[in-house]
C-alpha cells in the first residue's frame, strides 16, 4: 500500500486520514499551523504529523483536503516538485465563504465553464488530480451505510492510472464509483456540493448521498 499524505488538518482531512489508517495505510497529515500538532495527535491517532511540504514529500499518494480558496496556495507551499507524478485526490470545493447561501444555495467563486480542479491541474500539470469526496459530507466519506445500497462517488481526472488508484480506494471505503471522464467533468461534479448541502441548510438533514441508477 502506498503511503498517504493528507494535506489539510480540518475535519475532512481528519476523517480521511483516519479512514486510510483504518484500512491499513500509513498516513501523514499536514498543517502549517504548528499549534495544531498536539491536537492532531489525538484526533488522528496513528498518523505522523508534518507541515505541508513534509506531507507532500512523505505521501506517495496525496489527498488535498483544504478550503477551496486556499487550495492553490497550499499546494505551492507543499512544493510543486513534491507532487510530480503523484495522484492527488482533490476533495476541495470552490465555496465562496464571503457570501451567505441564498435559501440554502451556496455561492461558488468559479463558474460552470471552469472548475477549481481544472485550475489546480493547469497550475501543477505534473500532478495527476482526481476529483473525489467532494459531493458528500465528511460524516459519510468512509464506509457510509445505507443498508444494501452503496452510494455513488463521482470522480474525474485526466490520468487513467491515477483514477484507477482512486477507484481502488473508494471500493475499500464502501463506494460505487462513476468515472465521469476528464478534468472538465469537475465543472459538473463540484456543483453537486451545492445540491448536497441544500437539505442540510433548509431542513438540517445532512446524512444523505447520491446514487446513480442504471438499467
N, C-alpha and C. Protein backbone atom coordinates (compact mmCIF):
# COMPACT_ATOMS: atom_id res chain seq x y z
N UNK A 1 0.83 -1.20 0.00
CA UNK A 1 0.00 0.00 0.00
C UNK A 1 0.87 1.26 0.00
N UNK A 2 0.46 2.23 -0.76
CA UNK A 2 1.20 3.48 -0.81
C UNK A 2 1.02 4.28 0.48
N UNK A 3 2.04 5.05 0.81
CA UNK A 3 1.94 5.97 1.93
C UNK A 3 1.08 7.16 1.50
N UNK A 4 0.22 7.62 2.41
CA UNK A 4 -0.74 8.67 2.11
C UNK A 4 -0.35 9.96 2.80
N UNK A 5 -0.28 11.03 2.05
CA UNK A 5 -0.07 12.35 2.62
C UNK A 5 -1.35 13.16 2.52
N UNK A 6 -1.96 13.47 3.67
CA UNK A 6 -3.21 14.24 3.70
C UNK A 6 -2.85 15.69 3.99
N UNK A 7 -3.02 16.54 3.01
CA UNK A 7 -2.72 17.96 3.16
C UNK A 7 -4.00 18.67 3.59
N UNK A 8 -4.02 19.11 4.84
CA UNK A 8 -5.22 19.74 5.40
C UNK A 8 -5.60 19.08 6.70
N UNK A 9 -5.74 19.89 7.75
CA UNK A 9 -5.94 19.35 9.10
C UNK A 9 -7.33 19.60 9.65
N UNK A 10 -8.25 20.08 8.81
CA UNK A 10 -9.63 20.28 9.25
C UNK A 10 -10.36 18.96 9.37
N UNK A 11 -11.66 19.03 9.56
CA UNK A 11 -12.43 17.81 9.82
C UNK A 11 -12.39 16.85 8.63
N UNK A 12 -12.40 17.37 7.41
CA UNK A 12 -12.35 16.48 6.24
C UNK A 12 -11.01 15.76 6.20
N UNK A 13 -9.92 16.49 6.40
CA UNK A 13 -8.61 15.86 6.43
C UNK A 13 -8.50 14.82 7.53
N UNK A 14 -9.05 15.13 8.71
CA UNK A 14 -9.00 14.20 9.82
C UNK A 14 -9.79 12.92 9.51
N UNK A 15 -10.99 13.08 8.96
CA UNK A 15 -11.83 11.92 8.65
C UNK A 15 -11.16 11.03 7.61
N UNK A 16 -10.63 11.63 6.57
CA UNK A 16 -10.00 10.82 5.53
C UNK A 16 -8.71 10.18 6.03
N UNK A 17 -7.94 10.91 6.81
CA UNK A 17 -6.72 10.32 7.38
C UNK A 17 -7.06 9.11 8.25
N UNK A 18 -8.07 9.25 9.10
CA UNK A 18 -8.49 8.13 9.94
C UNK A 18 -9.03 6.98 9.10
N UNK A 19 -9.70 7.30 8.00
CA UNK A 19 -10.19 6.25 7.11
C UNK A 19 -9.06 5.46 6.49
N UNK A 20 -8.03 6.14 6.05
CA UNK A 20 -6.88 5.43 5.47
C UNK A 20 -6.19 4.57 6.53
N UNK A 21 -6.04 5.10 7.74
CA UNK A 21 -5.42 4.32 8.82
C UNK A 21 -6.27 3.07 9.11
N UNK A 22 -7.58 3.24 9.15
CA UNK A 22 -8.49 2.12 9.39
C UNK A 22 -8.28 1.01 8.37
N UNK A 23 -7.97 1.40 7.13
CA UNK A 23 -7.81 0.41 6.06
C UNK A 23 -6.35 0.00 5.86
N UNK A 24 -5.51 0.31 6.84
CA UNK A 24 -4.17 -0.25 6.85
C UNK A 24 -3.08 0.57 6.20
N UNK A 25 -3.38 1.80 5.82
CA UNK A 25 -2.37 2.65 5.19
C UNK A 25 -1.53 3.38 6.23
N UNK A 26 -0.31 3.71 5.85
CA UNK A 26 0.50 4.63 6.64
C UNK A 26 0.20 6.05 6.19
N UNK A 27 0.01 6.95 7.17
CA UNK A 27 -0.52 8.28 6.86
C UNK A 27 0.30 9.36 7.56
N UNK A 28 0.52 10.45 6.85
CA UNK A 28 0.97 11.69 7.46
C UNK A 28 -0.08 12.74 7.16
N UNK A 29 -0.48 13.52 8.16
CA UNK A 29 -1.42 14.61 7.96
C UNK A 29 -0.67 15.92 8.13
N UNK A 30 -0.93 16.88 7.24
CA UNK A 30 -0.13 18.09 7.20
C UNK A 30 -0.87 19.36 7.52
N UNK A 31 -0.23 20.21 8.30
CA UNK A 31 -0.70 21.56 8.58
C UNK A 31 0.51 22.46 8.74
N UNK A 32 0.38 23.72 8.35
CA UNK A 32 1.45 24.68 8.57
C UNK A 32 1.25 25.48 9.84
N UNK A 33 0.25 25.07 10.63
CA UNK A 33 -0.01 25.68 11.95
C UNK A 33 0.55 24.76 13.01
N UNK A 34 1.74 25.08 13.50
CA UNK A 34 2.41 24.20 14.47
C UNK A 34 1.60 24.01 15.73
N UNK A 35 0.72 24.98 16.05
CA UNK A 35 -0.09 24.89 17.27
C UNK A 35 -1.10 23.75 17.20
N UNK A 36 -1.37 23.26 15.99
CA UNK A 36 -2.36 22.17 15.83
C UNK A 36 -1.73 20.78 15.98
N UNK A 37 -0.44 20.69 16.04
CA UNK A 37 0.21 19.38 16.01
C UNK A 37 -0.21 18.49 17.17
N UNK A 38 -0.25 19.03 18.37
CA UNK A 38 -0.60 18.21 19.53
C UNK A 38 -2.05 17.74 19.45
N UNK A 39 -2.94 18.63 19.01
CA UNK A 39 -4.35 18.24 18.86
C UNK A 39 -4.51 17.14 17.83
N UNK A 40 -3.77 17.25 16.72
CA UNK A 40 -3.88 16.25 15.67
C UNK A 40 -3.42 14.87 16.14
N UNK A 41 -2.48 14.84 17.07
CA UNK A 41 -2.02 13.55 17.58
C UNK A 41 -3.14 12.77 18.25
N UNK A 42 -4.12 13.49 18.84
CA UNK A 42 -5.26 12.82 19.47
C UNK A 42 -6.41 12.63 18.48
N UNK A 43 -6.56 13.54 17.51
CA UNK A 43 -7.66 13.45 16.55
C UNK A 43 -7.40 12.39 15.48
N UNK A 44 -6.12 12.20 15.15
CA UNK A 44 -5.75 11.23 14.11
C UNK A 44 -4.68 10.32 14.70
N UNK A 45 -5.09 9.45 15.58
CA UNK A 45 -4.15 8.56 16.25
C UNK A 45 -3.51 7.60 15.26
N UNK A 46 -2.21 7.53 15.30
CA UNK A 46 -1.50 6.63 14.40
C UNK A 46 -0.92 7.29 13.19
N UNK A 47 -1.24 8.58 12.97
CA UNK A 47 -0.68 9.31 11.84
C UNK A 47 0.54 10.10 12.26
N UNK A 48 1.48 10.22 11.35
CA UNK A 48 2.57 11.17 11.54
C UNK A 48 2.03 12.57 11.26
N UNK A 49 2.65 13.57 11.87
CA UNK A 49 2.22 14.95 11.71
C UNK A 49 3.36 15.74 11.07
N UNK A 50 3.05 16.54 10.06
CA UNK A 50 4.08 17.34 9.41
C UNK A 50 3.51 18.63 8.88
N UNK A 51 4.36 19.43 8.27
CA UNK A 51 3.86 20.62 7.58
C UNK A 51 3.48 20.22 6.15
N UNK A 52 3.04 21.19 5.36
CA UNK A 52 2.57 20.87 4.02
C UNK A 52 3.68 20.25 3.17
N UNK A 53 4.87 20.81 3.24
CA UNK A 53 5.98 20.32 2.43
C UNK A 53 6.38 18.92 2.85
N UNK A 54 6.50 18.68 4.14
CA UNK A 54 6.87 17.36 4.63
C UNK A 54 5.83 16.32 4.23
N UNK A 55 4.56 16.70 4.31
CA UNK A 55 3.48 15.77 3.98
C UNK A 55 3.48 15.43 2.50
N UNK A 56 3.73 16.42 1.66
CA UNK A 56 3.77 16.18 0.21
C UNK A 56 4.95 15.28 -0.15
N UNK A 57 6.08 15.45 0.53
CA UNK A 57 7.24 14.58 0.29
C UNK A 57 6.96 13.16 0.76
N UNK A 58 6.30 13.03 1.90
CA UNK A 58 6.02 11.72 2.50
C UNK A 58 5.06 10.89 1.66
N UNK A 59 4.01 11.53 1.20
CA UNK A 59 2.93 10.80 0.54
C UNK A 59 3.31 10.31 -0.84
N UNK A 60 3.09 9.03 -1.09
CA UNK A 60 3.19 8.50 -2.45
C UNK A 60 1.89 8.77 -3.19
N UNK A 61 0.83 8.99 -2.43
CA UNK A 61 -0.46 9.46 -2.93
C UNK A 61 -0.90 10.59 -2.01
N UNK A 62 -1.40 11.67 -2.60
CA UNK A 62 -1.73 12.87 -1.84
C UNK A 62 -3.24 13.08 -1.80
N UNK A 63 -3.74 13.51 -0.65
CA UNK A 63 -5.13 13.94 -0.52
C UNK A 63 -5.13 15.43 -0.22
N UNK A 64 -5.82 16.21 -1.03
CA UNK A 64 -5.94 17.65 -0.80
C UNK A 64 -7.29 17.91 -0.15
N UNK A 65 -7.25 18.30 1.14
CA UNK A 65 -8.48 18.48 1.92
C UNK A 65 -8.41 19.82 2.65
N UNK A 66 -8.46 20.89 1.87
CA UNK A 66 -8.41 22.25 2.42
C UNK A 66 -9.57 23.05 1.84
N UNK A 67 -9.79 24.25 2.37
CA UNK A 67 -10.82 25.12 1.82
C UNK A 67 -10.43 25.51 0.39
N UNK A 68 -11.44 25.61 -0.45
CA UNK A 68 -11.19 25.84 -1.86
C UNK A 68 -10.38 27.08 -2.15
N UNK A 69 -10.65 28.17 -1.44
CA UNK A 69 -9.95 29.42 -1.74
C UNK A 69 -8.47 29.34 -1.39
N UNK A 70 -8.09 28.39 -0.54
CA UNK A 70 -6.70 28.25 -0.12
C UNK A 70 -5.96 27.17 -0.89
N UNK A 71 -6.65 26.43 -1.75
CA UNK A 71 -6.08 25.20 -2.32
C UNK A 71 -4.80 25.45 -3.11
N UNK A 72 -4.81 26.42 -3.99
CA UNK A 72 -3.63 26.64 -4.84
C UNK A 72 -2.44 27.10 -4.02
N UNK A 73 -2.66 28.00 -3.08
CA UNK A 73 -1.56 28.49 -2.25
C UNK A 73 -0.99 27.38 -1.38
N UNK A 74 -1.86 26.52 -0.87
CA UNK A 74 -1.40 25.40 -0.05
C UNK A 74 -0.52 24.46 -0.89
N UNK A 75 -0.93 24.18 -2.11
CA UNK A 75 -0.13 23.30 -2.96
C UNK A 75 1.21 23.93 -3.30
N UNK A 76 1.24 25.24 -3.47
CA UNK A 76 2.52 25.91 -3.71
C UNK A 76 3.43 25.76 -2.50
N UNK A 77 2.87 25.88 -1.29
CA UNK A 77 3.66 25.71 -0.07
C UNK A 77 4.12 24.26 0.09
N UNK A 78 3.31 23.33 -0.39
CA UNK A 78 3.70 21.92 -0.35
C UNK A 78 4.88 21.64 -1.26
N UNK A 79 5.00 22.46 -2.31
CA UNK A 79 6.12 22.32 -3.24
C UNK A 79 5.74 21.54 -4.48
N UNK A 80 5.71 22.21 -5.62
CA UNK A 80 5.33 21.53 -6.85
C UNK A 80 6.18 20.29 -7.14
N UNK A 81 7.50 20.33 -6.92
CA UNK A 81 8.30 19.12 -7.21
C UNK A 81 7.90 17.92 -6.37
N UNK A 82 7.33 18.17 -5.19
CA UNK A 82 6.91 17.07 -4.32
C UNK A 82 5.62 16.41 -4.80
N UNK A 83 4.96 17.01 -5.80
CA UNK A 83 3.71 16.47 -6.32
C UNK A 83 3.87 15.83 -7.69
N UNK A 84 5.05 15.98 -8.27
CA UNK A 84 5.28 15.48 -9.63
C UNK A 84 5.01 13.99 -9.75
N UNK A 85 4.14 13.63 -10.69
CA UNK A 85 3.86 12.24 -10.98
C UNK A 85 2.97 11.54 -9.98
N UNK A 86 2.50 12.27 -8.97
CA UNK A 86 1.69 11.65 -7.92
C UNK A 86 0.20 11.85 -8.17
N UNK A 87 -0.57 10.87 -7.74
CA UNK A 87 -2.03 11.03 -7.71
C UNK A 87 -2.39 11.98 -6.59
N UNK A 88 -3.19 12.99 -6.92
CA UNK A 88 -3.67 13.95 -5.92
C UNK A 88 -5.19 13.87 -5.89
N UNK A 89 -5.73 13.30 -4.82
CA UNK A 89 -7.18 13.25 -4.65
C UNK A 89 -7.65 14.64 -4.22
N UNK A 90 -8.45 15.26 -5.06
CA UNK A 90 -8.91 16.63 -4.82
C UNK A 90 -10.30 16.59 -4.21
N UNK A 91 -10.36 16.83 -2.90
CA UNK A 91 -11.63 16.82 -2.18
C UNK A 91 -12.17 18.22 -1.95
N UNK A 92 -11.61 19.21 -2.66
CA UNK A 92 -11.99 20.60 -2.41
C UNK A 92 -13.24 21.01 -3.18
N UNK A 93 -13.85 22.09 -2.73
CA UNK A 93 -14.94 22.74 -3.45
C UNK A 93 -14.72 24.26 -3.42
N UNK A 94 -15.07 24.94 -4.51
CA UNK A 94 -14.81 26.38 -4.61
C UNK A 94 -15.90 27.22 -3.94
N UNK A 95 -16.11 27.01 -2.66
CA UNK A 95 -17.17 27.71 -1.93
C UNK A 95 -16.74 29.14 -1.63
N UNK A 96 -17.59 30.09 -1.97
CA UNK A 96 -17.35 31.50 -1.65
C UNK A 96 -17.82 31.73 -0.22
N UNK A 97 -16.88 31.76 0.71
CA UNK A 97 -17.23 31.85 2.13
C UNK A 97 -17.58 33.27 2.56
N UNK A 98 -17.41 34.24 1.67
CA UNK A 98 -17.74 35.62 1.99
C UNK A 98 -19.21 35.95 1.74
N UNK A 99 -19.89 35.03 1.05
CA UNK A 99 -21.29 35.27 0.68
C UNK A 99 -22.18 34.20 1.30
N UNK A 100 -23.21 34.61 2.01
CA UNK A 100 -24.12 33.67 2.66
C UNK A 100 -24.96 32.93 1.62
N UNK A 101 -25.35 31.69 1.91
CA UNK A 101 -26.22 30.96 0.98
C UNK A 101 -27.55 31.67 0.76
N UNK A 102 -28.09 31.52 -0.43
CA UNK A 102 -29.42 32.04 -0.76
C UNK A 102 -30.43 30.90 -0.62
N UNK A 103 -31.26 30.96 0.42
CA UNK A 103 -32.24 29.90 0.66
C UNK A 103 -31.58 28.52 0.61
N UNK A 104 -30.41 28.43 1.22
CA UNK A 104 -29.70 27.17 1.31
C UNK A 104 -28.79 26.86 0.15
N UNK A 105 -28.69 27.76 -0.82
CA UNK A 105 -27.88 27.52 -2.01
C UNK A 105 -26.56 28.26 -1.89
N UNK A 106 -25.47 27.50 -1.83
CA UNK A 106 -24.14 28.08 -1.69
C UNK A 106 -23.74 28.88 -2.92
N UNK A 107 -22.82 29.81 -2.73
CA UNK A 107 -22.19 30.53 -3.83
C UNK A 107 -20.80 29.93 -4.07
N UNK A 108 -20.42 29.83 -5.33
CA UNK A 108 -19.08 29.40 -5.73
C UNK A 108 -18.32 30.61 -6.28
N UNK A 109 -16.98 30.56 -6.19
CA UNK A 109 -16.18 31.61 -6.81
C UNK A 109 -15.71 31.22 -8.20
N UNK A 110 -16.14 30.05 -8.67
CA UNK A 110 -15.90 29.63 -10.06
C UNK A 110 -17.21 29.76 -10.83
N UNK A 111 -17.15 29.44 -12.12
CA UNK A 111 -18.38 29.38 -12.91
C UNK A 111 -18.47 28.02 -13.58
N UNK A 112 -19.52 27.80 -14.34
CA UNK A 112 -19.76 26.49 -14.93
C UNK A 112 -18.82 26.17 -16.09
N UNK A 113 -17.98 27.11 -16.47
CA UNK A 113 -17.04 26.88 -17.56
C UNK A 113 -15.60 26.67 -17.07
N UNK A 114 -15.41 26.65 -15.76
CA UNK A 114 -14.05 26.47 -15.22
C UNK A 114 -14.14 26.00 -13.78
N UNK A 115 -13.76 24.75 -13.54
CA UNK A 115 -13.82 24.20 -12.19
C UNK A 115 -12.54 24.53 -11.42
N UNK A 116 -12.61 24.38 -10.11
CA UNK A 116 -11.43 24.57 -9.29
C UNK A 116 -10.38 23.51 -9.62
N UNK A 117 -10.79 22.27 -9.83
CA UNK A 117 -9.80 21.24 -10.11
C UNK A 117 -9.07 21.51 -11.41
N UNK A 118 -9.76 22.02 -12.40
CA UNK A 118 -9.08 22.36 -13.65
C UNK A 118 -8.02 23.43 -13.41
N UNK A 119 -8.34 24.40 -12.57
CA UNK A 119 -7.38 25.46 -12.27
C UNK A 119 -6.15 24.88 -11.57
N UNK A 120 -6.37 23.95 -10.65
CA UNK A 120 -5.25 23.32 -9.95
C UNK A 120 -4.42 22.48 -10.90
N UNK A 121 -5.09 21.74 -11.79
CA UNK A 121 -4.37 20.90 -12.74
C UNK A 121 -3.54 21.75 -13.70
N UNK A 122 -4.09 22.88 -14.12
CA UNK A 122 -3.34 23.77 -15.02
C UNK A 122 -2.15 24.39 -14.31
N UNK A 123 -2.29 24.69 -13.03
CA UNK A 123 -1.21 25.31 -12.27
C UNK A 123 -0.09 24.31 -11.97
N UNK A 124 -0.45 23.03 -11.79
CA UNK A 124 0.54 22.00 -11.45
C UNK A 124 0.32 20.82 -12.41
N UNK A 125 0.72 20.98 -13.66
CA UNK A 125 0.42 19.96 -14.67
C UNK A 125 1.13 18.63 -14.45
N UNK A 126 2.19 18.62 -13.64
CA UNK A 126 2.94 17.37 -13.42
C UNK A 126 2.24 16.45 -12.43
N UNK A 127 1.26 16.97 -11.66
CA UNK A 127 0.49 16.14 -10.73
C UNK A 127 -0.72 15.56 -11.45
N UNK A 128 -1.24 14.46 -10.93
CA UNK A 128 -2.39 13.78 -11.54
C UNK A 128 -3.61 13.93 -10.63
N UNK A 129 -4.36 14.99 -10.85
CA UNK A 129 -5.51 15.29 -10.00
C UNK A 129 -6.69 14.41 -10.33
N UNK A 130 -7.37 13.94 -9.27
CA UNK A 130 -8.61 13.18 -9.41
C UNK A 130 -9.62 13.77 -8.44
N UNK A 131 -10.71 14.28 -8.97
CA UNK A 131 -11.77 14.83 -8.11
C UNK A 131 -12.49 13.69 -7.41
N UNK A 132 -12.62 13.79 -6.08
CA UNK A 132 -13.33 12.77 -5.31
C UNK A 132 -13.65 13.31 -3.93
N UNK A 133 -14.64 12.72 -3.28
CA UNK A 133 -15.07 13.08 -1.93
C UNK A 133 -15.66 14.50 -1.85
N UNK A 134 -15.95 15.11 -2.97
CA UNK A 134 -16.42 16.50 -2.96
C UNK A 134 -17.94 16.63 -2.93
N UNK A 135 -18.65 15.51 -3.11
CA UNK A 135 -20.11 15.60 -3.24
C UNK A 135 -20.83 14.92 -2.08
N UNK A 136 -20.16 14.86 -0.91
CA UNK A 136 -20.78 14.27 0.27
C UNK A 136 -20.14 14.87 1.50
N UNK A 137 -20.86 14.87 2.62
CA UNK A 137 -20.31 15.40 3.86
C UNK A 137 -19.32 14.47 4.50
N UNK A 138 -18.48 15.03 5.37
CA UNK A 138 -17.39 14.25 5.96
C UNK A 138 -17.87 13.04 6.76
N UNK A 139 -19.07 13.11 7.35
CA UNK A 139 -19.56 12.02 8.17
C UNK A 139 -19.81 10.74 7.36
N UNK A 140 -19.93 10.89 6.04
CA UNK A 140 -20.24 9.73 5.19
C UNK A 140 -19.12 9.39 4.22
N UNK A 141 -17.96 9.99 4.37
CA UNK A 141 -16.90 9.77 3.39
C UNK A 141 -16.30 8.37 3.46
N UNK A 142 -16.26 7.79 4.64
CA UNK A 142 -15.61 6.49 4.82
C UNK A 142 -16.64 5.46 5.24
N UNK A 143 -16.83 4.45 4.38
CA UNK A 143 -17.75 3.34 4.65
C UNK A 143 -19.13 3.80 5.09
N UNK A 144 -19.79 4.60 4.25
CA UNK A 144 -21.16 5.02 4.56
C UNK A 144 -22.10 3.83 4.54
N UNK A 145 -23.10 3.84 5.42
CA UNK A 145 -24.01 2.70 5.50
C UNK A 145 -25.42 3.13 5.11
N UNK A 146 -25.91 2.56 4.01
CA UNK A 146 -27.28 2.77 3.56
C UNK A 146 -27.93 1.41 3.30
N UNK A 147 -27.78 0.51 4.26
CA UNK A 147 -28.32 -0.83 4.08
C UNK A 147 -27.55 -1.57 3.00
N UNK A 148 -28.26 -2.14 2.05
CA UNK A 148 -27.61 -2.92 0.99
C UNK A 148 -27.20 -2.06 -0.20
N UNK A 149 -27.50 -0.78 -0.16
CA UNK A 149 -27.22 0.12 -1.28
C UNK A 149 -25.92 0.89 -1.06
N UNK A 150 -25.02 0.78 -2.01
CA UNK A 150 -23.81 1.60 -1.96
C UNK A 150 -24.08 2.92 -2.67
N UNK A 151 -23.75 4.05 -2.04
CA UNK A 151 -23.91 5.33 -2.73
C UNK A 151 -22.85 5.49 -3.82
N UNK A 152 -23.07 6.47 -4.68
CA UNK A 152 -22.19 6.70 -5.82
C UNK A 152 -21.23 7.86 -5.54
N UNK A 153 -19.95 7.63 -5.80
CA UNK A 153 -18.96 8.70 -5.76
C UNK A 153 -18.58 9.02 -7.20
N UNK A 154 -18.75 10.27 -7.58
CA UNK A 154 -18.41 10.72 -8.92
C UNK A 154 -16.96 11.20 -8.93
N UNK A 155 -16.18 10.72 -9.89
CA UNK A 155 -14.79 11.13 -10.00
C UNK A 155 -14.50 11.58 -11.42
N UNK A 156 -13.40 12.30 -11.58
CA UNK A 156 -12.92 12.64 -12.91
C UNK A 156 -11.45 13.00 -12.81
N UNK A 157 -10.78 13.02 -13.95
CA UNK A 157 -9.37 13.37 -13.99
C UNK A 157 -8.78 12.96 -15.33
N UNK A 158 -7.63 13.50 -15.65
CA UNK A 158 -7.02 13.27 -16.96
C UNK A 158 -6.16 12.01 -17.03
N UNK A 159 -5.81 11.43 -15.89
CA UNK A 159 -4.83 10.34 -15.85
C UNK A 159 -5.53 9.05 -15.46
N UNK A 160 -5.59 8.09 -16.37
CA UNK A 160 -6.36 6.87 -16.13
C UNK A 160 -5.79 6.03 -14.99
N UNK A 161 -4.46 5.93 -14.89
CA UNK A 161 -3.86 5.13 -13.82
C UNK A 161 -4.14 5.75 -12.47
N UNK A 162 -4.12 7.08 -12.39
CA UNK A 162 -4.44 7.76 -11.14
C UNK A 162 -5.89 7.49 -10.74
N UNK A 163 -6.78 7.55 -11.72
CA UNK A 163 -8.19 7.27 -11.41
C UNK A 163 -8.37 5.83 -10.94
N UNK A 164 -7.62 4.90 -11.53
CA UNK A 164 -7.71 3.51 -11.10
C UNK A 164 -7.28 3.36 -9.64
N UNK A 165 -6.24 4.10 -9.24
CA UNK A 165 -5.83 4.09 -7.83
C UNK A 165 -6.96 4.56 -6.93
N UNK A 166 -7.62 5.63 -7.35
CA UNK A 166 -8.68 6.20 -6.53
C UNK A 166 -9.89 5.27 -6.48
N UNK A 167 -10.19 4.62 -7.60
CA UNK A 167 -11.30 3.66 -7.62
C UNK A 167 -11.04 2.55 -6.60
N UNK A 168 -9.82 2.07 -6.53
CA UNK A 168 -9.47 1.02 -5.58
C UNK A 168 -9.69 1.49 -4.14
N UNK A 169 -9.30 2.71 -3.86
CA UNK A 169 -9.50 3.27 -2.52
C UNK A 169 -10.99 3.41 -2.22
N UNK A 170 -11.74 3.93 -3.17
CA UNK A 170 -13.17 4.13 -2.95
C UNK A 170 -13.90 2.81 -2.76
N UNK A 171 -13.43 1.76 -3.43
CA UNK A 171 -14.01 0.44 -3.21
C UNK A 171 -13.77 -0.01 -1.77
N UNK A 172 -12.58 0.22 -1.26
CA UNK A 172 -12.29 -0.11 0.14
C UNK A 172 -13.14 0.73 1.09
N UNK A 173 -13.40 1.96 0.70
CA UNK A 173 -14.17 2.89 1.53
C UNK A 173 -15.68 2.72 1.37
N UNK A 174 -16.12 1.72 0.59
CA UNK A 174 -17.53 1.37 0.53
C UNK A 174 -18.37 2.12 -0.48
N UNK A 175 -17.76 2.57 -1.57
CA UNK A 175 -18.48 3.35 -2.58
C UNK A 175 -18.59 2.62 -3.90
N UNK A 176 -19.70 2.83 -4.61
CA UNK A 176 -19.74 2.61 -6.04
C UNK A 176 -19.12 3.83 -6.69
N UNK A 177 -18.44 3.64 -7.79
CA UNK A 177 -17.72 4.74 -8.42
C UNK A 177 -18.23 4.95 -9.84
N UNK A 178 -18.43 6.20 -10.19
CA UNK A 178 -18.80 6.56 -11.55
C UNK A 178 -17.74 7.52 -12.08
N UNK A 179 -16.96 7.03 -13.05
CA UNK A 179 -15.92 7.84 -13.67
C UNK A 179 -16.56 8.70 -14.75
N UNK A 180 -16.52 10.02 -14.55
CA UNK A 180 -17.18 10.94 -15.47
C UNK A 180 -16.25 11.50 -16.53
N UNK A 181 -15.01 10.98 -16.59
CA UNK A 181 -14.14 11.38 -17.69
C UNK A 181 -13.02 12.30 -17.27
N UNK A 182 -12.70 13.23 -18.15
CA UNK A 182 -11.55 14.09 -17.98
C UNK A 182 -11.84 15.22 -16.98
N UNK A 183 -10.83 16.07 -16.77
CA UNK A 183 -10.90 17.10 -15.74
C UNK A 183 -12.06 18.06 -15.93
N UNK A 184 -12.48 18.27 -17.18
CA UNK A 184 -13.59 19.18 -17.43
C UNK A 184 -14.86 18.76 -16.72
N UNK A 185 -15.00 17.47 -16.44
CA UNK A 185 -16.20 16.97 -15.76
C UNK A 185 -16.32 17.51 -14.34
N UNK A 186 -15.22 18.02 -13.78
CA UNK A 186 -15.30 18.64 -12.46
C UNK A 186 -16.22 19.84 -12.45
N UNK A 187 -16.46 20.43 -13.64
CA UNK A 187 -17.42 21.53 -13.74
C UNK A 187 -18.83 21.09 -13.34
N UNK A 188 -19.11 19.80 -13.52
CA UNK A 188 -20.41 19.26 -13.12
C UNK A 188 -20.37 18.63 -11.74
N UNK A 189 -19.23 18.03 -11.38
CA UNK A 189 -19.14 17.33 -10.09
C UNK A 189 -19.09 18.31 -8.93
N UNK A 190 -18.28 19.35 -9.04
CA UNK A 190 -18.16 20.30 -7.93
C UNK A 190 -19.50 20.91 -7.51
N UNK A 191 -20.38 21.31 -8.45
CA UNK A 191 -21.67 21.86 -8.03
C UNK A 191 -22.59 20.87 -7.32
N UNK A 192 -22.28 19.58 -7.37
CA UNK A 192 -23.07 18.63 -6.58
C UNK A 192 -22.96 18.95 -5.09
N UNK A 193 -21.88 19.58 -4.70
CA UNK A 193 -21.75 20.05 -3.31
C UNK A 193 -22.88 21.01 -2.96
N UNK A 194 -23.21 21.90 -3.89
CA UNK A 194 -24.30 22.85 -3.65
C UNK A 194 -25.61 22.10 -3.44
N UNK A 195 -25.88 21.15 -4.32
CA UNK A 195 -27.12 20.37 -4.22
C UNK A 195 -27.15 19.56 -2.94
N UNK A 196 -26.00 18.93 -2.61
CA UNK A 196 -25.95 18.10 -1.40
C UNK A 196 -26.23 18.93 -0.15
N UNK A 197 -25.79 20.17 -0.11
CA UNK A 197 -25.92 20.99 1.10
C UNK A 197 -27.31 21.57 1.31
N UNK A 198 -28.12 21.67 0.27
CA UNK A 198 -29.42 22.35 0.41
C UNK A 198 -30.29 21.70 1.49
N UNK A 199 -30.49 20.37 1.52
CA UNK A 199 -31.31 19.80 2.60
C UNK A 199 -30.74 20.08 3.99
N UNK A 200 -29.42 20.18 4.08
CA UNK A 200 -28.81 20.49 5.36
C UNK A 200 -29.14 21.89 5.83
N UNK A 201 -29.01 22.85 4.92
CA UNK A 201 -29.26 24.24 5.30
C UNK A 201 -30.74 24.52 5.57
N UNK A 202 -31.64 23.91 4.79
CA UNK A 202 -33.04 24.26 4.94
C UNK A 202 -33.84 23.31 5.83
N UNK A 203 -33.32 22.07 6.02
CA UNK A 203 -34.04 21.08 6.83
C UNK A 203 -33.19 20.47 7.93
N UNK A 204 -31.93 20.86 8.01
CA UNK A 204 -30.96 20.28 8.95
C UNK A 204 -30.83 18.77 8.72
N UNK A 205 -30.87 18.36 7.46
CA UNK A 205 -30.69 16.96 7.08
C UNK A 205 -29.35 16.84 6.35
N UNK A 206 -28.41 16.13 6.97
CA UNK A 206 -27.06 16.06 6.44
C UNK A 206 -26.59 14.65 6.13
N UNK A 207 -27.38 13.64 6.44
CA UNK A 207 -26.92 12.25 6.29
C UNK A 207 -27.53 11.63 5.03
N UNK A 208 -27.06 12.10 3.90
CA UNK A 208 -27.55 11.58 2.62
C UNK A 208 -26.40 11.56 1.63
N UNK A 209 -26.59 10.83 0.55
CA UNK A 209 -25.59 10.73 -0.50
C UNK A 209 -26.30 10.48 -1.82
N UNK A 210 -25.58 10.66 -2.93
CA UNK A 210 -26.16 10.48 -4.24
C UNK A 210 -26.02 9.02 -4.71
N UNK A 211 -26.98 8.61 -5.53
CA UNK A 211 -26.93 7.27 -6.13
C UNK A 211 -27.31 7.38 -7.61
N UNK A 212 -26.43 6.93 -8.49
CA UNK A 212 -26.73 6.88 -9.90
C UNK A 212 -27.33 5.53 -10.23
N UNK A 213 -28.56 5.53 -10.71
CA UNK A 213 -29.27 4.29 -11.06
C UNK A 213 -29.14 4.04 -12.56
N UNK A 214 -28.92 2.77 -12.93
CA UNK A 214 -28.75 2.40 -14.32
C UNK A 214 -29.67 1.22 -14.67
N UNK A 215 -29.98 1.08 -15.93
CA UNK A 215 -30.74 -0.08 -16.39
C UNK A 215 -30.30 -0.44 -17.79
